[in-house]
Amino acid sequence: MKKEGRDTRPADREVIELRRSLAQQILTITGKAGEHPTPIPGLSLYNRATPTPCYRASYEPGLSVFVQGRKRIILGGTEYLCGGSSFLLSSIDVPAQSQIIEASEKTPLLCMFLTLDLAAVREVLSRDDVPEAKAFSHRQGLAVGKQRLVY
């Protein structure tokens, strides 16, 4: 992510402000470090205030949206770096190694996690109006992507 400054484009400034606003909302809701289920079924908010050593983790099918902080996930020798402008998609239950690498009391790792209802995903993917996806040789069950602002 670009550093905020005079040469930052208006669209970049808007994304920075949206991310700050979302981080503040998550901090207000969570209040303290930990996992915080929400009234929305399948949606949890995470607030982690300290880096961690590498630990074993299991990722269930879901979508994690990282708002602030950084996390490293290692699966099958592949390293995935997740930070304030990325998301992690897990399509199956997978064991992995996980490590929070950037978090503090002042700037905690903040993340939203939405559990995927696989029956609903299969139903959507079976529709004729869904374009066929490209085949990928890298099939580990996890994918990391960058968040983009869509107008």
C-alpha atoms as a PDB file:
ATOM      1  CA  MET A   1       0.000   0.000   0.000  1.00  0.00           C
ATOM      2  CA  LYS A   2       1.274   3.470  -0.835  1.00  0.00           C
ATOM      3  CA  LYS A   3       2.190   5.845   1.910  1.00  0.00           C
ATOM      4  CA  GLU A   4      -0.352   8.561   2.479  1.00  0.00           C
ATOM      5  CA  GLY A   5       0.880  11.920   1.233  1.00  0.00           C
ATOM      6  CA  ARG A   6       0.418  14.765  -1.200  1.00  0.00           C
ATOM      7  CA  ASP A   7       0.986  12.565  -4.256  1.00  0.00           C
ATOM      8  CA  THR A   8      -1.722  10.053  -3.256  1.00  0.00           C
ATOM      9  CA  ARG A   9      -4.504   9.844  -5.862  1.00  0.00           C
ATOM     10  CA  PRO A  10      -8.069  10.723  -4.769  1.00  0.00           C
ATOM     11  CA  ALA A  11      -9.195   7.099  -5.215  1.00  0.00           C
ATOM     12  CA  ASP A  12      -6.290   5.905  -3.035  1.00  0.00           C
ATOM     13  CA  ARG A  13      -7.178   8.455  -0.352  1.00  0.00           C
ATOM     14  CA  GLU A  14     -10.783   7.233  -0.439  1.00  0.00           C
ATOM     15  CA  VAL A  15      -9.665   3.620   0.066  1.00  0.00           C
ATOM     16  CA  ILE A  16      -7.402   4.684   2.943  1.00  0.00           C
ATOM     17  CA  GLU A  17     -10.283   6.522   4.600  1.00  0.00           C
ATOM     18  CA  LEU A  18     -12.716   3.630   4.066  1.00  0.00           C
ATOM     19  CA  ARG A  19     -10.204   1.203   5.597  1.00  0.00           C
ATOM     20  CA  ARG A  20      -9.636   3.524   8.579  1.00  0.00           C
ATOM     21  CA  SER A  21     -13.384   3.829   9.097  1.00  0.00           C
ATOM     22  CA  LEU A  22     -13.862   0.059   8.916  1.00  0.00           C
ATOM     23  CA  ALA A  23     -10.964  -0.489  11.350  1.00  0.00           C
ATOM     24  CA  GLN A  24     -12.522   1.980  13.793  1.00  0.00           C
ATOM     25  CA  GLN A  25     -15.906   0.242  13.530  1.00  0.00           C
ATOM     26  CA  ILE A  26     -14.326  -3.168  14.209  1.00  0.00           C
ATOM     27  CA  LEU A  27     -12.419  -1.731  17.192  1.00  0.00           C
ATOM     28  CA  THR A  28     -15.636  -0.218  18.557  1.00  0.00           C
ATOM     29  CA  ILE A  29     -17.518  -3.516  18.222  1.00  0.00           C
ATOM     30  CA  THR A  30     -14.749  -5.778  19.534  1.00  0.00           C
ATOM     31  CA  GLY A  31     -13.438  -3.522  22.288  1.00  0.00           C
ATOM     32  CA  LYS A  32     -10.615  -5.914  23.164  1.00  0.00           C
ATOM     33  CA  ALA A  33      -8.448  -8.652  21.704  1.00  0.00           C
ATOM     34  CA  GLY A  34     -10.058 -11.962  20.783  1.00  0.00           C
ATOM     35  CA  GLU A  35     -12.651 -13.552  18.534  1.00  0.00           C
ATOM     36  CA  HIS A  36     -16.007 -11.784  18.542  1.00  0.00           C
ATOM     37  CA  PRO A  37     -19.036 -13.522  16.977  1.00  0.00           C
ATOM     38  CA  THR A  38     -21.626 -11.103  15.608  1.00  0.00           C
ATOM     39  CA  PRO A  39     -25.425 -11.328  15.388  1.00  0.00           C
ATOM     40  CA  ILE A  40     -24.966 -12.106  11.671  1.00  0.00           C
ATOM     41  CA  PRO A  41     -24.821 -15.916  11.296  1.00  0.00           C
ATOM     42  CA  GLY A  42     -21.338 -17.068  10.271  1.00  0.00           C
ATOM     43  CA  LEU A  43     -19.669 -13.649  10.678  1.00  0.00           C
ATOM     44  CA  SER A  44     -16.957 -13.140  13.309  1.00  0.00           C
ATOM     45  CA  LEU A  45     -14.604 -10.238  13.948  1.00  0.00           C
ATOM     46  CA  TYR A  46     -11.025 -10.753  15.111  1.00  0.00           C
ATOM     47  CA  ASN A  47      -8.886  -8.347  17.077  1.00  0.00           C
ATOM     48  CA  ARG A  48      -5.337  -9.513  17.877  1.00  0.00           C
ATOM     49  CA  ALA A  49      -3.030  -7.129  19.731  1.00  0.00           C
ATOM     50  CA  THR A  50       0.284  -9.036  19.686  1.00  0.00           C
ATOM     51  CA  PRO A  51       2.417 -10.952  17.212  1.00  0.00           C
ATOM     52  CA  THR A  52       2.444 -14.714  17.745  1.00  0.00           C
ATOM     53  CA  PRO A  53       4.895 -17.546  17.184  1.00  0.00           C
ATOM     54  CA  CYS A  54       4.072 -19.851  14.295  1.00  0.00           C
ATOM     55  CA  TYR A  55       1.280 -22.242  15.331  1.00  0.00           C
ATOM     56  CA  ARG A  56      -0.832 -24.992  13.775  1.00  0.00           C
ATOM     57  CA  ALA A  57      -4.224 -23.821  12.565  1.00  0.00           C
ATOM     58  CA  SER A  58      -7.149 -25.200  10.635  1.00  0.00           C
ATOM     59  CA  TYR A  59      -8.898 -23.070   8.036  1.00  0.00           C
ATOM     60  CA  GLU A  60     -12.526 -23.925   7.363  1.00  0.00           C
ATOM     61  CA  PRO A  61     -14.306 -22.847   4.174  1.00  0.00           C
ATOM     62  CA  GLY A  62     -14.714 -19.111   4.464  1.00  0.00           C
ATOM     63  CA  LEU A  63     -13.663 -15.623   3.508  1.00  0.00           C
ATOM     64  CA  SER A  64     -11.316 -13.589   5.719  1.00  0.00           C
ATOM     65  CA  VAL A  65     -11.035  -9.869   4.994  1.00  0.00           C
ATOM     66  CA  PHE A  66      -7.979  -8.273   6.583  1.00  0.00           C
ATOM     67  CA  VAL A  67      -8.388  -4.633   7.544  1.00  0.00           C
ATOM     68  CA  GLN A  68      -5.204  -3.962   9.500  1.00  0.00           C
ATOM     69  CA  GLY A  69      -2.087  -5.829  10.647  1.00  0.00           C
ATOM     70  CA  ARG A  70      -0.316  -8.730   8.924  1.00  0.00           C
ATOM     71  CA  LYS A  71      -0.486 -12.506   9.096  1.00  0.00           C
ATOM     72  CA  ARG A  72       1.584 -15.270   7.471  1.00  0.00           C
ATOM     73  CA  ILE A  73       0.015 -18.612   6.578  1.00  0.00           C
ATOM     74  CA  ILE A  74       2.039 -21.578   5.319  1.00  0.00           C
ATOM     75  CA  LEU A  75       0.332 -24.464   3.536  1.00  0.00           C
ATOM     76  CA  GLY A  76       2.196 -27.191   1.678  1.00  0.00           C
ATOM     77  CA  GLY A  77       5.368 -25.117   1.461  1.00  0.00           C
ATOM     78  CA  THR A  78       3.524 -22.102   0.030  1.00  0.00           C
ATOM     79  CA  GLU A  79       3.583 -18.900   2.060  1.00  0.00           C
ATOM     80  CA  TYR A  80       0.569 -16.594   1.996  1.00  0.00           C
ATOM     81  CA  LEU A  81       0.948 -13.050   3.356  1.00  0.00           C
ATOM     82  CA  CYS A  82      -2.261 -11.350   4.426  1.00  0.00           C
ATOM     83  CA  GLY A  83      -2.463  -7.698   5.377  1.00  0.00           C
ATOM     84  CA  GLY A  84      -4.630  -4.624   5.519  1.00  0.00           C
ATOM     85  CA  SER A  85      -5.614  -4.746   1.859  1.00  0.00           C
ATOM     86  CA  SER A  86      -6.020  -8.466   1.249  1.00  0.00           C
ATOM     87  CA  PHE A  87      -8.478 -11.287   1.670  1.00  0.00           C
ATOM     88  CA  LEU A  88      -8.042 -15.020   2.186  1.00  0.00           C
ATOM     89  CA  LEU A  89     -10.445 -17.495   0.626  1.00  0.00           C
ATOM     90  CA  SER A  90     -10.505 -21.065   1.921  1.00  0.00           C
ATOM     91  CA  SER A  91     -12.558 -23.499  -0.124  1.00  0.00           C
ATOM     92  CA  ILE A  92     -12.024 -26.611   2.015  1.00  0.00           C
ATOM     93  CA  ASP A  93     -10.950 -27.512   5.557  1.00  0.00           C
ATOM     94  CA  VAL A  94      -7.156 -27.310   5.478  1.00  0.00           C
ATOM     95  CA  PRO A  95      -4.504 -27.629   8.168  1.00  0.00           C
ATOM     96  CA  ALA A  96      -1.838 -24.934   7.949  1.00  0.00           C
ATOM     97  CA  GLN A  97       0.710 -23.030   9.961  1.00  0.00           C
ATOM     98  CA  SER A  98      -0.246 -19.510  10.936  1.00  0.00           C
ATOM     99  CA  GLN A  99       1.568 -16.554  12.488  1.00  0.00           C
ATOM    100  CA  ILE A 100       0.514 -13.007  13.274  1.00  0.00           C
ATOM    101  CA  ILE A 101       3.555 -10.980  12.239  1.00  0.00           C
ATOM    102  CA  GLU A 102       2.296  -7.421  12.693  1.00  0.00           C
ATOM    103  CA  ALA A 103      -0.012  -6.420  15.546  1.00  0.00           C
ATOM    104  CA  SER A 104       0.152  -4.149  18.589  1.00  0.00           C
ATOM    105  CA  GLU A 105      -2.143  -2.595  21.179  1.00  0.00           C
ATOM    106  CA  LYS A 106      -2.102   0.648  19.165  1.00  0.00           C
ATOM    107  CA  THR A 107      -2.548  -1.046  15.768  1.00  0.00           C
ATOM    108  CA  PRO A 108      -4.028  -4.548  16.235  1.00  0.00           C
ATOM    109  CA  LEU A 109      -4.589  -7.106  13.526  1.00  0.00           C
ATOM    110  CA  LEU A 110      -8.244  -6.670  12.559  1.00  0.00           C
ATOM    111  CA  CYS A 111     -10.061  -9.197  10.413  1.00  0.00           C
ATOM    112  CA  MET A 112     -13.600 -10.171   9.434  1.00  0.00           C
ATOM    113  CA  PHE A 113     -14.327 -13.868   8.836  1.00  0.00           C
ATOM    114  CA  LEU A 114     -17.424 -15.158   7.054  1.00  0.00           C
ATOM    115  CA  THR A 115     -18.069 -18.912   7.079  1.00  0.00           C
ATOM    116  CA  LEU A 116     -19.094 -20.186   3.648  1.00  0.00           C
ATOM    117  CA  ASP A 117     -22.282 -22.210   3.327  1.00  0.00           C
ATOM    118  CA  LEU A 118     -20.984 -24.795   0.843  1.00  0.00           C
ATOM    119  CA  ALA A 119     -24.486 -25.906  -0.198  1.00  0.00           C
ATOM    120  CA  ALA A 120     -25.278 -22.307  -1.183  1.00  0.00           C
ATOM    121  CA  VAL A 121     -21.907 -21.964  -2.970  1.00  0.00           C
ATOM    122  CA  ARG A 122     -22.560 -25.160  -4.973  1.00  0.00           C
ATOM    123  CA  GLU A 123     -26.043 -23.909  -5.907  1.00  0.00           C
ATOM    124  CA  VAL A 124     -24.657 -20.584  -7.167  1.00  0.00           C
ATOM    125  CA  LEU A 125     -21.862 -22.288  -9.105  1.00  0.00           C
ATOM    126  CA  SER A 126     -24.335 -24.642 -10.797  1.00  0.00           C
ATOM    127  CA  ARG A 127     -26.166 -21.747 -12.466  1.00  0.00           C
ATOM    128  CA  ASP A 128     -25.759 -21.225 -16.180  1.00  0.00           C
ATOM    129  CA  ASP A 129     -25.037 -17.493 -15.789  1.00  0.00           C
ATOM    130  CA  VAL A 130     -21.825 -18.013 -13.785  1.00  0.00           C
ATOM    131  CA  PRO A 131     -18.776 -17.778 -16.087  1.00  0.00           C
ATOM    132  CA  GLU A 132     -16.504 -20.794 -16.116  1.00  0.00           C
ATOM    133  CA  ALA A 133     -13.332 -20.219 -14.108  1.00  0.00           C
ATOM    134  CA  LYS A 134      -9.841 -20.702 -15.508  1.00  0.00           C
ATOM    135  CA  ALA A 135      -8.153 -23.925 -14.414  1.00  0.00           C
ATOM    136  CA  PHE A 136      -5.243 -23.427 -12.030  1.00  0.00           C
ATOM    137  CA  SER A 137      -2.462 -25.932 -11.426  1.00  0.00           C
ATOM    138  CA  HIS A 138      -1.994 -24.603  -7.871  1.00  0.00           C
ATOM    139  CA  ARG A 139      -4.823 -26.226  -5.890  1.00  0.00           C
ATOM    140  CA  GLN A 140      -4.197 -26.058  -2.162  1.00  0.00           C
ATOM    141  CA  GLY A 141      -7.590 -24.876  -0.950  1.00  0.00           C
ATOM    142  CA  LEU A 142      -6.396 -21.343  -0.066  1.00  0.00           C
ATOM    143  CA  ALA A 143      -6.117 -18.210  -2.153  1.00  0.00           C
ATOM    144  CA  VAL A 144      -5.072 -14.683  -1.241  1.00  0.00           C
ATOM    145  CA  GLY A 145      -6.171 -11.660  -3.224  1.00  0.00           C
ATOM    146  CA  LYS A 146      -6.042  -7.895  -3.023  1.00  0.00           C
ATOM    147  CA  GLN A 147      -9.128  -5.904  -2.119  1.00  0.00           C
ATOM    148  CA  ARG A 148     -10.160  -3.418  -4.784  1.00  0.00           C
ATOM    149  CA  LEU A 149     -12.542  -0.517  -4.641  1.00  0.00           C
ATOM    150  CA  VAL A 150     -15.223  -0.967  -7.293  1.00  0.00           C
ATOM    151  CA  TYR A 151     -17.136   2.054  -8.566  1.00  0.00           C
END
